[in-house]
PDB file of N, CA and C in Angstrom:
ATOM      1  N   MET A   1      10.421   1.809  -9.920  1.00  0.00           N
ATOM      2  CA  MET A   1       9.693   1.384  -8.676  1.00  0.00           C
ATOM      3  C   MET A   1      10.517   1.130  -7.548  1.00  0.00           C
ATOM      4  N   ILE A   2       9.972   1.575  -6.372  1.00  0.00           N
ATOM      5  CA  ILE A   2      10.860   1.590  -5.019  1.00  0.00           C
ATOM      6  C   ILE A   2       9.920   0.736  -4.042  1.00  0.00           C
ATOM      7  N   ILE A   3      10.672  -0.347  -3.460  1.00  0.00           N
ATOM      8  CA  ILE A   3       9.807  -1.451  -2.666  1.00  0.00           C
ATOM      9  C   ILE A   3      10.509  -0.670  -1.308  1.00  0.00           C
ATOM     10  N   ALA A   4       9.918  -0.484  -0.405  1.00  0.00           N
ATOM     11  CA  ALA A   4       9.909  -0.194   0.966  1.00  0.00           C
ATOM     12  C   ALA A   4       9.387  -0.588   1.755  1.00  0.00           C
ATOM     13  N   ASP A   5       9.846  -0.301   3.081  1.00  0.00           N
ATOM     14  CA  ASP A   5       8.957  -0.490   4.612  1.00  0.00           C
ATOM     15  C   ASP A   5       7.979  -0.038   4.630  1.00  0.00           C
ATOM     16  N   ALA A   6       7.227   0.099   5.872  1.00  0.00           N
ATOM     17  CA  ALA A   6       6.019   0.851   6.067  1.00  0.00           C
ATOM     18  C   ALA A   6       6.110   2.133   6.713  1.00  0.00           C
ATOM     19  N   HIS A   7       7.380   2.698   6.662  1.00  0.00           N
ATOM     20  CA  HIS A   7       7.569   4.268   7.275  1.00  0.00           C
ATOM     21  C   HIS A   7       6.954   5.107   6.703  1.00  0.00           C
ATOM     22  N   LYS A   8       6.210   5.834   7.400  1.00  0.00           N
ATOM     23  CA  LYS A   8       5.455   7.008   6.726  1.00  0.00           C
ATOM     24  C   LYS A   8       6.144   8.157   6.425  1.00  0.00           C
ATOM     25  N   GLY A   9       7.120   8.500   7.207  1.00  0.00           N
ATOM     26  CA  GLY A   9       8.017   9.689   6.960  1.00  0.00           C
ATOM     27  C   GLY A   9       8.914   9.434   6.081  1.00  0.00           C
ATOM     28  N   GLN A  10       9.368   8.436   5.477  1.00  0.00           N
ATOM     29  CA  GLN A  10      10.252   7.903   4.575  1.00  0.00           C
ATOM     30  C   GLN A  10       9.652   8.187   3.312  1.00  0.00           C
ATOM     31  N   ALA A  11       8.271   7.722   3.351  1.00  0.00           N
ATOM     32  CA  ALA A  11       7.628   7.740   2.085  1.00  0.00           C
ATOM     33  C   ALA A  11       7.171   9.137   1.788  1.00  0.00           C
ATOM     34  N   ILE A  12       6.715   9.862   2.675  1.00  0.00           N
ATOM     35  CA  ILE A  12       6.327  11.661   2.453  1.00  0.00           C
ATOM     36  C   ILE A  12       7.699  12.207   2.236  1.00  0.00           C
ATOM     37  N   GLY A  13       9.055  11.725   2.592  1.00  0.00           N
ATOM     38  CA  GLY A  13       9.966  12.566   2.204  1.00  0.00           C
ATOM     39  C   GLY A  13      10.444  12.124   0.961  1.00  0.00           C
ATOM     40  N   LEU A  14      10.151  10.830   0.127  1.00  0.00           N
ATOM     41  CA  LEU A  14      10.552  10.617  -1.145  1.00  0.00           C
ATOM     42  C   LEU A  14       9.696  11.768  -1.981  1.00  0.00           C
ATOM     43  N   GLY A  15       8.191  11.368  -1.550  1.00  0.00           N
ATOM     44  CA  GLY A  15       7.231  12.083  -2.222  1.00  0.00           C
ATOM     45  C   GLY A  15       7.687  13.620  -2.469  1.00  0.00           C
ATOM     46  N   SER A  16       7.850  14.116  -1.253  1.00  0.00           N
ATOM     47  CA  SER A  16       8.056  15.553  -1.309  1.00  0.00           C
ATOM     48  C   SER A  16       9.123  15.919  -2.278  1.00  0.00           C
ATOM     49  N   PHE A  17      10.382  14.939  -2.082  1.00  0.00           N
ATOM     50  CA  PHE A  17      11.621  15.084  -3.054  1.00  0.00           C
ATOM     51  C   PHE A  17      11.336  15.273  -4.488  1.00  0.00           C
ATOM     52  N   LEU A  18      10.507  14.156  -4.693  1.00  0.00           N
ATOM     53  CA  LEU A  18       9.863  14.130  -6.358  1.00  0.00           C
ATOM     54  C   LEU A  18       9.005  15.536  -6.610  1.00  0.00           C
ATOM     55  N   HIS A  19       8.079  15.714  -5.742  1.00  0.00           N
ATOM     56  CA  HIS A  19       7.187  16.926  -5.937  1.00  0.00           C
ATOM     57  C   HIS A  19       8.043  18.309  -6.143  1.00  0.00           C
ATOM     58  N   GLU A  20       8.971  18.503  -5.377  1.00  0.00           N
ATOM     59  CA  GLU A  20       9.857  19.578  -5.691  1.00  0.00           C
ATOM     60  C   GLU A  20      10.596  19.517  -6.916  1.00  0.00           C
ATOM     61  N   ARG A  21      10.999  18.322  -7.502  1.00  0.00           N
ATOM     62  CA  ARG A  21      11.545  18.686  -8.635  1.00  0.00           C
ATOM     63  C   ARG A  21      10.531  18.669 -10.204  1.00  0.00           C
ATOM     64  N   TYR A  22       9.544  17.712  -9.479  1.00  0.00           N
ATOM     65  CA  TYR A  22       8.325  17.636 -10.581  1.00  0.00           C
ATOM     66  C   TYR A  22       6.762  17.986 -10.156  1.00  0.00           C
ATOM     67  N   PRO A  23       6.659  19.223 -10.093  1.00  0.00           N
ATOM     68  CA  PRO A  23       5.305  19.729  -9.181  1.00  0.00           C
ATOM     69  C   PRO A  23       4.025  19.732 -10.020  1.00  0.00           C
ATOM     70  N   SER A  24       4.124  19.194 -11.088  1.00  0.00           N
ATOM     71  CA  SER A  24       2.821  18.903 -11.734  1.00  0.00           C
ATOM     72  C   SER A  24       2.145  17.725 -11.099  1.00  0.00           C
ATOM     73  N   MET A  25       2.739  16.889 -10.039  1.00  0.00           N
ATOM     74  CA  MET A  25       1.922  15.857  -9.588  1.00  0.00           C
ATOM     75  C   MET A  25       2.267  16.326  -7.977  1.00  0.00           C
ATOM     76  N   THR A  26       1.037  15.699  -7.184  1.00  0.00           N
ATOM     77  CA  THR A  26       1.262  15.876  -5.874  1.00  0.00           C
ATOM     78  C   THR A  26       1.783  14.782  -5.307  1.00  0.00           C
ATOM     79  N   ILE A  27       2.223  15.070  -3.837  1.00  0.00           N
ATOM     80  CA  ILE A  27       2.969  13.848  -3.379  1.00  0.00           C
ATOM     81  C   ILE A  27       2.518  12.907  -3.300  1.00  0.00           C
ATOM     82  N   GLU A  28       1.361  12.412  -3.020  1.00  0.00           N
ATOM     83  CA  GLU A  28       0.507  11.273  -3.307  1.00  0.00           C
ATOM     84  C   GLU A  28       0.297  10.815  -4.364  1.00  0.00           C
ATOM     85  N   GLU A  29       0.387  11.604  -5.420  1.00  0.00           N
ATOM     86  CA  GLU A  29       0.419  11.086  -6.993  1.00  0.00           C
ATOM     87  C   GLU A  29       1.810  10.304  -7.300  1.00  0.00           C
ATOM     88  N   HIS A  30       2.966  11.243  -6.992  1.00  0.00           N
ATOM     89  CA  HIS A  30       4.233  10.545  -7.141  1.00  0.00           C
ATOM     90  C   HIS A  30       4.194   9.043  -6.639  1.00  0.00           C
ATOM     91  N   LEU A  31       3.830   9.048  -5.525  1.00  0.00           N
ATOM     92  CA  LEU A  31       3.888   7.571  -4.557  1.00  0.00           C
ATOM     93  C   LEU A  31       3.101   6.579  -5.315  1.00  0.00           C
ATOM     94  N   GLN A  32       1.653   7.120  -5.719  1.00  0.00           N
ATOM     95  CA  GLN A  32       1.059   6.114  -6.224  1.00  0.00           C
ATOM     96  C   GLN A  32       1.815   5.696  -7.286  1.00  0.00           C
ATOM     97  N   HIS A  33       2.656   6.066  -8.141  1.00  0.00           N
ATOM     98  CA  HIS A  33       3.216   5.750  -9.069  1.00  0.00           C
ATOM     99  C   HIS A  33       4.667   4.919  -9.302  1.00  0.00           C
ATOM    100  N   ILE A  34       5.406   5.210  -8.343  1.00  0.00           N
ATOM    101  CA  ILE A  34       6.595   4.413  -7.712  1.00  0.00           C
ATOM    102  C   ILE A  34       6.489   3.684  -6.587  1.00  0.00           C
ATOM    103  N   TYR A  35       5.984   3.971  -5.721  1.00  0.00           N
ATOM    104  CA  TYR A  35       6.028   3.217  -4.414  1.00  0.00           C
ATOM    105  C   TYR A  35       5.484   2.132  -4.054  1.00  0.00           C
ATOM    106  N   LYS A  36       6.136   0.993  -3.742  1.00  0.00           N
ATOM    107  CA  LYS A  36       5.383  -0.281  -3.395  1.00  0.00           C
ATOM    108  C   LYS A  36       5.654  -0.757  -1.966  1.00  0.00           C
ATOM    109  N   LEU A  37       4.766  -1.143  -1.263  1.00  0.00           N
ATOM    110  CA  LEU A  37       4.982  -1.381   0.264  1.00  0.00           C
ATOM    111  C   LEU A  37       5.575  -2.876   0.063  1.00  0.00           C
ATOM    112  N   CYS A  38       6.556  -3.263   0.501  1.00  0.00           N
ATOM    113  CA  CYS A  38       7.183  -4.615   0.683  1.00  0.00           C
ATOM    114  C   CYS A  38       6.271  -5.721   1.131  1.00  0.00           C
ATOM    115  N   ILE A  39       5.819  -6.619   0.809  1.00  0.00           N
ATOM    116  CA  ILE A  39       4.718  -7.452   0.983  1.00  0.00           C
ATOM    117  C   ILE A  39       4.998  -8.200   2.324  1.00  0.00           C
ATOM    118  N   ILE A  40       6.100  -8.478   3.121  1.00  0.00           N
ATOM    119  CA  ILE A  40       6.427  -8.874   4.254  1.00  0.00           C
ATOM    120  C   ILE A  40       6.005  -8.095   5.243  1.00  0.00           C
ATOM    121  N   HIS A  41       6.343  -6.740   5.188  1.00  0.00           N
ATOM    122  CA  HIS A  41       6.035  -5.507   6.276  1.00  0.00           C
ATOM    123  C   HIS A  41       4.386  -5.450   5.996  1.00  0.00           C
ATOM    124  N   TYR A  42       3.760  -5.328   4.703  1.00  0.00           N
ATOM    125  CA  TYR A  42       2.256  -5.334   4.704  1.00  0.00           C
ATOM    126  C   TYR A  42       1.780  -6.469   5.512  1.00  0.00           C
ATOM    127  N   LYS A  43       2.044  -7.531   5.183  1.00  0.00           N
ATOM    128  CA  LYS A  43       1.497  -8.966   6.145  1.00  0.00           C
ATOM    129  C   LYS A  43       1.652  -8.712   7.576  1.00  0.00           C
ATOM    130  N   ARG A  44       2.740  -8.586   7.785  1.00  0.00           N
ATOM    131  CA  ARG A  44       3.158  -8.198   9.372  1.00  0.00           C
ATOM    132  C   ARG A  44       2.459  -7.004   9.857  1.00  0.00           C
ATOM    133  N   ASN A  45       2.146  -5.848   9.081  1.00  0.00           N
ATOM    134  CA  ASN A  45       1.292  -4.896   9.688  1.00  0.00           C
ATOM    135  C   ASN A  45      -0.189  -5.302   9.980  1.00  0.00           C
ATOM    136  N   ILE A  46      -0.586  -6.292   9.129  1.00  0.00           N
ATOM    137  CA  ILE A  46      -2.060  -6.724   8.851  1.00  0.00           C
ATOM    138  C   ILE A  46      -2.046  -7.629  10.225  1.00  0.00           C
ATOM    139  N   ASN A  47      -1.094  -8.552  10.473  1.00  0.00           N
ATOM    140  CA  ASN A  47      -1.085  -9.515  11.671  1.00  0.00           C
ATOM    141  C   ASN A  47      -1.037  -8.845  12.848  1.00  0.00           C
ATOM    142  N   ASN A  48      -0.572  -7.615  12.906  1.00  0.00           N
ATOM    143  CA  ASN A  48      -0.346  -6.811  14.233  1.00  0.00           C
ATOM    144  C   ASN A  48      -1.600  -6.054  14.557  1.00  0.00           C
ATOM    145  N   LEU A  49      -2.663  -6.106  13.605  1.00  0.00           N
ATOM    146  CA  LEU A  49      -4.177  -5.506  13.897  1.00  0.00           C
ATOM    147  C   LEU A  49      -4.778  -6.139  14.949  1.00  0.00           C
ATOM    148  N   ARG A  50      -5.045  -5.589  16.017  1.00  0.00           N
ATOM    149  CA  ARG A  50      -5.872  -5.782  17.135  1.00  0.00           C
ATOM    150  C   ARG A  50      -7.404  -5.598  16.939  1.00  0.00           C
ATOM    151  N   ASN A  51      -8.068  -6.399  17.226  1.00  0.00           N
ATOM    152  CA  ASN A  51      -9.583  -6.365  17.114  1.00  0.00           C
ATOM    153  C   ASN A  51     -10.033  -6.246  15.817  1.00  0.00           C
ATOM    154  N   VAL A  52      -9.204  -6.740  14.876  1.00  0.00           N
ATOM    155  CA  VAL A  52      -9.893  -7.103  13.478  1.00  0.00           C
ATOM    156  C   VAL A  52      -9.974  -8.344  13.322  1.00  0.00           C
ATOM    157  N   PRO A  53     -11.072  -9.266  12.842  1.00  0.00           N
ATOM    158  CA  PRO A  53     -11.567 -10.657  12.941  1.00  0.00           C
ATOM    159  C   PRO A  53     -10.410 -11.096  11.812  1.00  0.00           C
ATOM    160  N   ASP A  54     -10.168 -12.265  11.963  1.00  0.00           N
ATOM    161  CA  ASP A  54      -9.354 -13.387  11.048  1.00  0.00           C
ATOM    162  C   ASP A  54      -9.920 -13.272   9.698  1.00  0.00           C
ATOM    163  N   GLU A  55     -10.946 -13.351   9.459  1.00  0.00           N
ATOM    164  CA  GLU A  55     -11.717 -13.023   7.900  1.00  0.00           C
ATOM    165  C   GLU A  55     -11.478 -11.969   7.116  1.00  0.00           C
ATOM    166  N   ILE A  56     -11.360 -10.910   7.817  1.00  0.00           N
ATOM    167  CA  ILE A  56     -11.089  -9.629   7.473  1.00  0.00           C
ATOM    168  C   ILE A  56      -9.489  -9.347   7.316  1.00  0.00           C
ATOM    169  N   LYS A  57      -8.599  -9.795   8.086  1.00  0.00           N
ATOM    170  CA  LYS A  57      -7.095  -9.972   7.912  1.00  0.00           C
ATOM    171  C   LYS A  57      -6.774 -10.659   6.526  1.00  0.00           C
ATOM    172  N   ASN A  58      -7.365 -11.984   6.478  1.00  0.00           N
ATOM    173  CA  ASN A  58      -7.162 -12.848   5.153  1.00  0.00           C
ATOM    174  C   ASN A  58      -7.980 -12.134   3.963  1.00  0.00           C
ATOM    175  N   VAL A  59      -8.689 -11.358   3.851  1.00  0.00           N
ATOM    176  CA  VAL A  59      -9.256 -10.528   2.728  1.00  0.00           C
ATOM    177  C   VAL A  59      -8.098  -9.448   2.414  1.00  0.00           C
ATOM    178  N   MET A  60      -7.809  -8.809   3.399  1.00  0.00           N
ATOM    179  CA  MET A  60      -6.648  -8.036   3.229  1.00  0.00           C
ATOM    180  C   MET A  60      -5.329  -8.450   2.653  1.00  0.00           C
ATOM    181  N   LYS A  61      -5.052  -9.620   3.267  1.00  0.00           N
ATOM    182  CA  LYS A  61      -3.660 -10.124   2.787  1.00  0.00           C
ATOM    183  C   LYS A  61      -3.982 -10.617   1.031  1.00  0.00           C
ATOM    184  N   VAL A  62      -5.112 -10.854   0.787  1.00  0.00           N
ATOM    185  CA  VAL A  62      -5.211 -11.341  -0.765  1.00  0.00           C
ATOM    186  C   VAL A  62      -5.297  -9.998  -1.586  1.00  0.00           C
ATOM    187  N   ILE A  63      -5.648  -8.870  -0.949  1.00  0.00           N
ATOM    188  CA  ILE A  63      -5.571  -7.659  -1.987  1.00  0.00           C
ATOM    189  C   ILE A  63      -4.520  -7.375  -3.021  1.00  0.00           C
ATOM    190  N   PRO A  64      -3.177  -7.232  -2.310  1.00  0.00           N
ATOM    191  CA  PRO A  64      -1.987  -7.268  -3.196  1.00  0.00           C
ATOM    192  C   PRO A  64      -1.877  -8.168  -4.479  1.00  0.00           C
ATOM    193  N   ASN A  65      -2.771  -9.421  -4.425  1.00  0.00           N
ATOM    194  CA  ASN A  65      -2.320 -10.212  -5.628  1.00  0.00           C
ATOM    195  C   ASN A  65      -3.553  -9.949  -6.634  1.00  0.00           C
ATOM    196  N   CYS A  66      -4.464  -9.113  -6.467  1.00  0.00           N
ATOM    197  CA  CYS A  66      -5.366  -8.829  -7.068  1.00  0.00           C
ATOM    198  C   CYS A  66      -5.056  -7.823  -8.103  1.00  0.00           C
ATOM    199  N   LYS A  67      -5.391  -8.130  -9.743  1.00  0.00           N
ATOM    200  CA  LYS A  67      -4.900  -7.450 -10.821  1.00  0.00           C
ATOM    201  C   LYS A  67      -5.862  -6.434 -11.261  1.00  0.00           C
ATOM    202  N   THR A  68      -6.955  -6.454 -10.674  1.00  0.00           N
ATOM    203  CA  THR A  68      -8.258  -5.654 -11.386  1.00  0.00           C
ATOM    204  C   THR A  68      -9.054  -5.281 -10.325  1.00  0.00           C
ATOM    205  N   GLN A  69      -9.918  -3.988 -10.415  1.00  0.00           N
ATOM    206  CA  GLN A  69     -10.675  -3.824  -9.404  1.00  0.00           C
ATOM    207  C   GLN A  69     -11.698  -4.727  -9.008  1.00  0.00           C
ATOM    208  N   ALA A  70     -12.169  -5.550 -10.180  1.00  0.00           N
ATOM    209  CA  ALA A  70     -13.160  -6.651 -10.229  1.00  0.00           C
ATOM    210  C   ALA A  70     -12.710  -7.700  -9.313  1.00  0.00           C
ATOM    211  N   GLU A  71     -11.343  -8.110  -9.399  1.00  0.00           N
ATOM    212  CA  GLU A  71     -11.188  -9.046  -8.241  1.00  0.00           C
ATOM    213  C   GLU A  71     -10.869  -8.250  -6.968  1.00  0.00           C
ATOM    214  N   VAL A  72     -10.410  -7.163  -6.774  1.00  0.00           N
ATOM    215  CA  VAL A  72     -10.559  -6.653  -5.209  1.00  0.00           C
ATOM    216  C   VAL A  72     -12.226  -6.880  -5.021  1.00  0.00           C
ATOM    217  N   LYS A  73     -13.188  -6.496  -5.511  1.00  0.00           N
ATOM    218  CA  LYS A  73     -14.560  -6.656  -5.355  1.00  0.00           C
ATOM    219  C   LYS A  73     -14.793  -7.954  -4.930  1.00  0.00           C
ATOM    220  N   GLU A  74     -14.245  -8.758  -5.646  1.00  0.00           N
ATOM    221  CA  GLU A  74     -14.405 -10.174  -5.579  1.00  0.00           C
ATOM    222  C   GLU A  74     -13.992 -10.693  -4.098  1.00  0.00           C
ATOM    223  N   ALA A  75     -12.908 -10.163  -3.665  1.00  0.00           N
ATOM    224  CA  ALA A  75     -12.039 -10.588  -2.489  1.00  0.00           C
ATOM    225  C   ALA A  75     -12.789 -10.163  -1.580  1.00  0.00           C
ATOM    226  N   PHE A  76     -13.374  -9.182  -1.614  1.00  0.00           N
ATOM    227  CA  PHE A  76     -14.365  -8.646  -0.591  1.00  0.00           C
ATOM    228  C   PHE A  76     -15.852  -9.555  -0.436  1.00  0.00           C
ATOM    229  N   ASN A  77     -16.225 -10.020  -1.731  1.00  0.00           N
ATOM    230  CA  ASN A  77     -17.317 -10.723  -1.468  1.00  0.00           C
ATOM    231  C   ASN A  77     -17.140 -12.213  -1.043  1.00  0.00           C
ATOM    232  N   TYR A  78     -15.702 -12.727  -0.953  1.00  0.00           N
ATOM    233  CA  TYR A  78     -15.407 -14.109  -0.569  1.00  0.00           C
ATOM    234  C   TYR A  78     -15.606 -14.293   0.677  1.00  0.00           C
TER     235      TYR A  78
END
């Protein structure tokens, strides 16, 4: 697993590198298996969103702690 900041270019570069070596998966599939966004950067990006109500931001911050799809759905109902 690779924990990274929110730099899109770096993520795409890593995915491209892996795809060149292992072409059976797409860039996105490679990233889904190994790439994890640093929670500090994740929350900072949420906090920087303008015109998004606080209750939506709070739900967005809870999602990384969800372990199942059911928990994610429950977070949206909260």
